[in-house]
Structures are given as structure tokens and as C-alpha cells.
N, C-alpha and C. Protein backbone atom coordinates (compact mmCIF):
# COMPACT_ATOMS: atom_id res chain seq x y z
N VAL A 1 -8.86 48.12 -54.86
CA VAL A 1 -8.05 47.13 -56.07
C VAL A 1 -8.88 46.24 -55.71
N THR A 2 -8.95 45.37 -57.03
CA THR A 2 -9.76 44.13 -57.32
C THR A 2 -9.02 43.11 -58.13
N ILE A 3 -8.75 41.99 -57.82
CA ILE A 3 -7.96 40.79 -58.21
C ILE A 3 -9.22 40.02 -58.43
N ALA A 4 -9.17 39.75 -59.78
CA ALA A 4 -9.92 38.50 -60.61
C ALA A 4 -8.58 37.33 -61.52
N HIS A 5 -9.34 36.25 -61.23
CA HIS A 5 -8.87 35.21 -62.21
C HIS A 5 -9.77 34.53 -63.24
N SER A 6 -9.16 33.46 -63.74
CA SER A 6 -9.86 33.13 -65.10
C SER A 6 -11.22 32.20 -64.59
N ARG A 7 -11.44 32.17 -63.32
CA ARG A 7 -13.11 31.82 -62.90
C ARG A 7 -13.71 32.79 -62.09
N THR A 8 -13.37 34.04 -62.31
CA THR A 8 -14.18 34.87 -61.29
C THR A 8 -15.30 35.11 -62.29
N ARG A 9 -16.38 35.24 -61.59
CA ARG A 9 -17.98 35.72 -62.56
C ARG A 9 -17.94 36.85 -62.84
N GLN A 10 -18.44 36.93 -64.09
CA GLN A 10 -18.40 38.37 -64.68
C GLN A 10 -17.36 39.09 -64.84
N ILE A 11 -16.25 38.06 -65.20
CA ILE A 11 -15.18 38.46 -65.46
C ILE A 11 -14.77 39.74 -66.48
N PRO A 12 -15.73 39.89 -67.58
CA PRO A 12 -15.82 41.07 -68.56
C PRO A 12 -16.16 42.42 -67.78
N ALA A 13 -17.29 42.34 -66.75
CA ALA A 13 -17.73 43.37 -66.37
C ALA A 13 -16.69 43.91 -64.99
N VAL A 14 -16.01 42.95 -64.07
CA VAL A 14 -14.91 43.24 -63.55
C VAL A 14 -13.96 44.06 -64.40
N CYS A 15 -13.66 43.40 -65.39
CA CYS A 15 -12.60 44.04 -66.20
C CYS A 15 -12.71 45.78 -66.31
N ARG A 16 -14.13 46.02 -66.76
CA ARG A 16 -14.40 47.01 -67.57
C ARG A 16 -14.62 47.95 -66.64
N ARG A 17 -14.66 47.77 -64.90
CA ARG A 17 -14.45 48.69 -63.87
C ARG A 17 -13.17 49.33 -64.00
N ALA A 18 -12.52 48.60 -64.61
CA ALA A 18 -10.78 49.14 -63.85
C ALA A 18 -10.11 50.36 -64.42
N ASP A 19 -9.79 51.23 -63.85
CA ASP A 19 -8.97 52.40 -64.68
C ASP A 19 -7.39 51.73 -65.30
N LEU A 20 -7.00 51.23 -64.29
CA LEU A 20 -5.92 50.69 -64.44
C LEU A 20 -5.74 49.04 -64.58
N LEU A 21 -5.89 48.31 -65.66
CA LEU A 21 -6.02 46.73 -65.96
C LEU A 21 -4.75 46.04 -66.09
N TYR A 22 -4.06 45.37 -65.18
CA TYR A 22 -3.08 44.21 -65.28
C TYR A 22 -3.55 42.84 -65.51
N VAL A 23 -2.89 42.35 -66.48
CA VAL A 23 -3.33 40.96 -66.97
C VAL A 23 -2.50 40.24 -67.28
N ALA A 24 -2.70 39.24 -66.64
CA ALA A 24 -1.81 38.02 -66.34
C ALA A 24 -2.63 36.55 -66.27
N ALA A 25 -3.09 36.57 -67.32
CA ALA A 25 -4.04 35.05 -67.17
C ALA A 25 -3.74 33.80 -67.73
N GLY A 26 -2.66 33.96 -68.20
CA GLY A 26 -1.86 32.76 -69.13
C GLY A 26 -3.18 32.19 -70.15
N ARG A 27 -4.02 33.05 -70.98
CA ARG A 27 -4.59 32.71 -71.66
C ARG A 27 -4.41 33.65 -73.02
N ALA A 28 -4.18 33.20 -74.24
CA ALA A 28 -3.90 34.02 -75.44
C ALA A 28 -4.84 34.78 -75.66
N GLU A 29 -4.89 35.91 -75.63
CA GLU A 29 -6.30 37.28 -76.19
C GLU A 29 -7.18 36.91 -75.08
N MET A 30 -7.35 36.83 -74.14
CA MET A 30 -8.62 36.28 -73.48
C MET A 30 -9.36 37.58 -72.97
N VAL A 31 -8.97 38.71 -72.72
CA VAL A 31 -9.37 39.83 -72.77
C VAL A 31 -9.64 40.56 -73.79
N ARG A 32 -10.86 40.72 -73.93
CA ARG A 32 -11.10 41.26 -75.53
C ARG A 32 -11.42 42.87 -75.05
N GLY A 33 -11.47 43.70 -76.51
CA GLY A 33 -11.62 44.81 -76.21
C GLY A 33 -12.91 45.62 -75.56
N ASP A 34 -13.92 44.67 -75.74
CA ASP A 34 -15.04 44.96 -74.88
C ASP A 34 -15.29 45.30 -73.36
N TRP A 35 -14.29 44.22 -72.99
CA TRP A 35 -14.10 44.01 -71.61
C TRP A 35 -13.11 45.18 -71.09
N ILE A 36 -12.92 46.38 -71.71
CA ILE A 36 -12.18 47.40 -71.09
C ILE A 36 -12.70 48.65 -71.28
N LYS A 37 -12.44 49.39 -70.10
CA LYS A 37 -13.03 50.61 -70.02
C LYS A 37 -12.83 51.81 -70.97
N PRO A 38 -12.96 52.49 -71.60
CA PRO A 38 -12.54 53.35 -72.20
C PRO A 38 -11.90 54.26 -71.82
N GLY A 39 -10.60 54.04 -72.00
CA GLY A 39 -9.25 55.25 -71.44
C GLY A 39 -8.62 54.51 -70.54
N ALA A 40 -9.04 53.37 -70.32
CA ALA A 40 -8.07 52.73 -69.28
C ALA A 40 -6.51 52.69 -69.88
N ILE A 41 -5.84 51.98 -68.93
CA ILE A 41 -4.28 52.16 -69.11
C ILE A 41 -4.34 50.55 -69.09
N VAL A 42 -3.49 49.60 -69.60
CA VAL A 42 -3.46 48.12 -69.84
C VAL A 42 -2.28 47.86 -69.85
N ILE A 43 -1.89 46.92 -69.04
CA ILE A 43 -0.36 46.21 -68.80
C ILE A 43 -0.85 44.81 -69.06
N ASP A 44 -0.41 44.27 -70.40
CA ASP A 44 -0.37 43.16 -70.77
C ASP A 44 1.09 42.14 -70.45
N VAL A 45 0.85 41.32 -69.14
CA VAL A 45 1.95 40.70 -68.71
C VAL A 45 2.12 39.42 -69.23
N GLY A 46 1.13 39.13 -69.94
CA GLY A 46 0.75 37.56 -70.78
C GLY A 46 2.03 37.43 -71.68
N GLN A 47 2.48 35.69 -72.18
CA GLN A 47 3.33 35.86 -73.31
C GLN A 47 2.79 34.06 -73.92
N ASN A 48 2.12 33.98 -74.93
CA ASN A 48 1.57 32.67 -75.50
C ASN A 48 2.26 32.71 -76.51
N ARG A 49 2.64 31.83 -76.93
CA ARG A 49 2.78 31.39 -78.46
C ARG A 49 1.53 30.68 -79.13
N ILE A 50 1.36 31.15 -79.93
CA ILE A 50 0.18 30.50 -80.93
C ILE A 50 0.53 30.57 -82.27
N ALA A 51 -0.11 29.77 -83.02
CA ALA A 51 0.04 29.63 -84.36
C ALA A 51 -0.16 30.93 -85.40
N GLY A 52 1.05 31.20 -86.02
CA GLY A 52 0.61 32.71 -86.80
C GLY A 52 0.52 32.08 -88.39
N PRO A 53 0.53 33.13 -89.14
CA PRO A 53 0.48 32.44 -90.83
C PRO A 53 1.53 31.60 -91.01
N GLY A 54 1.00 30.47 -91.70
CA GLY A 54 1.86 29.50 -92.10
C GLY A 54 2.33 28.66 -91.15
N GLY A 55 1.45 28.78 -89.90
CA GLY A 55 1.89 27.67 -89.35
C GLY A 55 3.04 28.43 -88.01
N LYS A 56 3.34 29.46 -88.56
CA LYS A 56 4.85 29.49 -87.84
C LYS A 56 4.29 30.59 -86.37
N PRO A 57 5.07 30.18 -85.19
CA PRO A 57 4.52 30.49 -83.94
C PRO A 57 4.61 31.91 -83.91
N ARG A 58 3.83 32.69 -83.45
CA ARG A 58 4.12 34.13 -83.20
C ARG A 58 3.73 34.18 -81.29
N LEU A 59 4.24 35.25 -80.92
CA LEU A 59 3.98 35.60 -79.27
C LEU A 59 3.06 36.68 -79.49
N VAL A 60 1.84 36.49 -78.46
CA VAL A 60 0.99 37.20 -78.10
C VAL A 60 0.53 37.37 -76.57
N GLY A 61 0.03 38.29 -76.10
CA GLY A 61 -0.22 38.75 -74.61
C GLY A 61 -1.77 38.07 -74.65
N ASP A 62 -2.04 38.19 -73.42
CA ASP A 62 -3.34 37.91 -72.68
C ASP A 62 -4.37 38.81 -72.95
N VAL A 63 -4.41 39.97 -73.91
CA VAL A 63 -5.18 40.73 -74.25
C VAL A 63 -5.10 40.93 -75.68
N ALA A 64 -6.29 41.11 -76.51
CA ALA A 64 -6.46 41.43 -77.86
C ALA A 64 -5.88 42.44 -78.10
N PHE A 65 -4.75 42.87 -78.46
CA PHE A 65 -4.07 43.66 -78.79
C PHE A 65 -4.65 44.92 -79.45
N ALA A 66 -5.24 44.37 -80.97
CA ALA A 66 -5.48 45.38 -81.89
C ALA A 66 -6.99 45.93 -81.29
N GLU A 67 -8.08 45.03 -80.88
CA GLU A 67 -9.13 45.24 -80.04
C GLU A 67 -8.87 46.40 -78.77
N ALA A 68 -7.75 45.83 -78.05
CA ALA A 68 -7.73 47.06 -76.98
C ALA A 68 -7.23 48.16 -77.25
N CYS A 69 -6.48 48.55 -78.15
CA CYS A 69 -6.01 49.71 -78.66
C CYS A 69 -7.06 50.56 -79.37
N GLU A 70 -8.16 50.06 -79.62
CA GLU A 70 -9.29 50.98 -80.13
C GLU A 70 -10.05 51.49 -78.62
N VAL A 71 -10.06 51.15 -77.46
CA VAL A 71 -10.56 51.54 -76.35
C VAL A 71 -9.80 52.39 -75.55
N ALA A 72 -8.61 51.46 -75.10
CA ALA A 72 -7.48 51.62 -74.20
C ALA A 72 -6.69 53.16 -74.52
N ALA A 73 -6.79 53.97 -73.29
CA ALA A 73 -5.78 55.17 -73.42
C ALA A 73 -4.00 54.63 -73.71
N ALA A 74 -3.78 53.62 -73.51
CA ALA A 74 -2.37 53.01 -73.40
C ALA A 74 -2.50 51.68 -73.19
N ILE A 75 -1.53 50.76 -73.69
CA ILE A 75 -1.25 49.36 -73.82
C ILE A 75 0.07 49.12 -74.03
N THR A 76 0.33 48.14 -73.13
CA THR A 76 1.82 47.47 -73.19
C THR A 76 1.62 46.52 -74.32
N PRO A 77 2.75 46.36 -75.67
CA PRO A 77 2.74 45.62 -76.23
C PRO A 77 3.23 44.12 -75.99
N VAL A 78 2.74 43.19 -76.60
CA VAL A 78 3.73 42.02 -76.52
C VAL A 78 3.83 41.24 -77.97
N PRO A 79 5.27 41.11 -78.26
CA PRO A 79 6.44 41.40 -77.37
C PRO A 79 6.83 42.83 -77.19
N GLY A 80 7.63 42.80 -76.51
CA GLY A 80 8.45 44.74 -76.09
C GLY A 80 7.98 45.44 -75.22
N GLY A 81 7.04 44.71 -74.43
CA GLY A 81 6.31 45.47 -73.18
C GLY A 81 7.13 45.67 -72.09
N VAL A 82 6.55 44.59 -71.09
CA VAL A 82 6.88 44.54 -70.03
C VAL A 82 8.32 43.71 -70.00
N GLY A 83 8.16 42.88 -70.93
CA GLY A 83 9.34 41.74 -70.40
C GLY A 83 10.97 42.14 -70.52
N PRO A 84 11.26 43.42 -71.63
CA PRO A 84 12.46 43.95 -71.14
C PRO A 84 12.47 44.19 -69.87
N MET A 85 11.74 45.16 -69.06
CA MET A 85 11.67 45.67 -67.83
C MET A 85 11.94 44.47 -67.09
N THR A 86 11.31 43.52 -67.18
CA THR A 86 11.55 42.65 -66.14
C THR A 86 13.00 41.92 -66.05
N ILE A 87 13.36 41.76 -66.76
CA ILE A 87 14.82 41.44 -67.63
C ILE A 87 16.03 42.42 -66.96
N ALA A 88 15.73 43.99 -67.18
CA ALA A 88 16.14 44.57 -66.66
C ALA A 88 16.30 44.68 -65.00
N CYS A 89 15.00 44.67 -64.39
CA CYS A 89 15.16 44.72 -63.08
C CYS A 89 15.80 43.33 -62.26
N LEU A 90 15.49 41.88 -63.37
CA LEU A 90 16.21 40.79 -62.64
C LEU A 90 17.73 40.98 -62.79
N LEU A 91 18.27 41.39 -63.88
CA LEU A 91 19.90 41.98 -63.88
C LEU A 91 20.26 42.95 -62.64
N ALA A 92 19.21 43.82 -62.12
CA ALA A 92 19.90 44.75 -61.43
C ALA A 92 19.60 44.18 -60.03
N ASN A 93 18.84 43.31 -59.80
CA ASN A 93 18.62 42.60 -58.37
C ASN A 93 19.93 41.36 -58.29
N THR A 94 20.40 40.68 -59.41
CA THR A 94 21.10 40.00 -59.55
C THR A 94 22.59 40.71 -59.15
N VAL A 95 22.96 42.00 -59.56
CA VAL A 95 24.03 42.33 -59.16
C VAL A 95 23.86 42.96 -57.98
N ARG A 96 23.14 43.61 -57.08
CA ARG A 96 22.82 43.75 -56.09
C ARG A 96 23.15 42.36 -55.08
N ALA A 97 22.61 41.37 -55.02
CA ALA A 97 22.68 40.03 -54.22
C ALA A 97 24.08 39.83 -54.63
N ALA A 98 24.87 39.83 -55.60
CA ALA A 98 26.27 39.41 -55.73
C ALA A 98 26.80 40.20 -54.52
N CYS A 99 26.84 41.89 -55.06
CA CYS A 99 27.70 42.52 -54.15
C CYS A 99 27.22 42.28 -52.86
N ALA A 100 26.11 42.62 -52.46
CA ALA A 100 25.93 41.75 -50.97
C ALA A 100 26.71 40.37 -50.21
N LEU A 101 26.45 39.66 -51.29
CA LEU A 101 27.29 38.09 -50.96
C LEU A 101 28.97 38.63 -50.78
N ALA A 102 29.18 39.54 -51.42
CA ALA A 102 30.85 39.71 -51.62
C ALA A 102 31.39 40.49 -50.79
N GLY A 103 30.20 41.31 -50.14
CA GLY A 103 30.40 42.04 -48.94
C GLY A 103 30.92 43.29 -49.87
N LEU A 104 30.09 43.89 -50.77
CA LEU A 104 30.47 45.06 -51.19
C LEU A 104 29.16 46.32 -51.43
N ALA A 105 29.55 47.27 -51.50
CA ALA A 105 28.60 48.28 -51.50
C ALA A 105 27.98 48.15 -53.06
N ALA A 106 26.58 47.99 -53.13
CA ALA A 106 26.03 47.49 -54.36
C ALA A 106 26.25 48.98 -55.22
N PRO A 107 26.31 49.01 -56.48
CA PRO A 107 25.98 50.28 -57.16
C PRO A 107 24.74 50.87 -57.44
N ASN A 108 24.25 52.18 -57.60
CA ASN A 108 22.91 52.55 -57.87
C ASN A 108 22.91 52.23 -59.35
N VAL A 109 21.88 50.86 -59.43
CA VAL A 109 21.29 50.52 -60.66
C VAL A 109 20.05 50.52 -60.81
N GLY A 110 19.28 50.92 -61.32
CA GLY A 110 17.66 50.82 -61.67
C GLY A 110 17.31 51.72 -60.22
N ASN A 111 15.84 51.36 -60.08
CA ASN A 111 15.14 52.70 -59.34
C ASN A 111 14.52 51.53 -58.25
N ALA A 112 14.99 50.25 -58.24
CA ALA A 112 14.53 49.72 -57.04
C ALA A 112 15.56 49.77 -55.78
N SER A 113 14.69 49.60 -54.61
CA SER A 113 15.84 49.83 -53.52
C SER A 113 16.15 48.24 -52.89
């Protein structure tokens, strides 16, 4: 496991070594297609609003999606990738916490224990 951040030296080379690349850099489309190892799986956690056509904002990830699609075996889209799963896990944990607070047995929701 290698952890990198926006100031990591030679970050493109670090990314190119990854079979599984999780990206949460906070910079719109920072990770370019040539940073990705061919056949890698890319999980894009970033959510950035940028100006789209006509100045209307649009949501993009931290990975340049179109470029990454040319190289990666699989990639999560933004929007619609990890966001819905994050919300589902948050709600499942909220139910568990409410049950624990009320002294009730938690229902079997989601995979988290």
C-alpha cells in the first residue's frame, strides 16, 4: 500500500504503479489518463464543481474520466459512483446507532458490522 498526496514527489509515477488506485485529492481532474497503469481499477472519490457549457456548473471527480476510461479496466463515475454507496452506509450506520441508543436489536442492514 502506498499513500500519496498532492505534494508527493513524482506523483504520476507513484500512481502508475497502482493496480487499485483510490483518488481523493480535492482537485478537479488532477489524475490524468497517462498517470494510470493499464488495466488498473480506479475509484474516484472526488467531487468538484467546475464551469460547464454556458457557465452552468457541473460535477467532476479528481480523475480525468474520459482519459482514464481509455486506460483503466474499471472506473467509478462522478457523479453516481461512490456517492450513493456513501449515503447508503451512512444511513445504515444511523439506524444501528439509533437502535443502540434505544436499547433495541439492530436490524441486519448493509454489510458493515
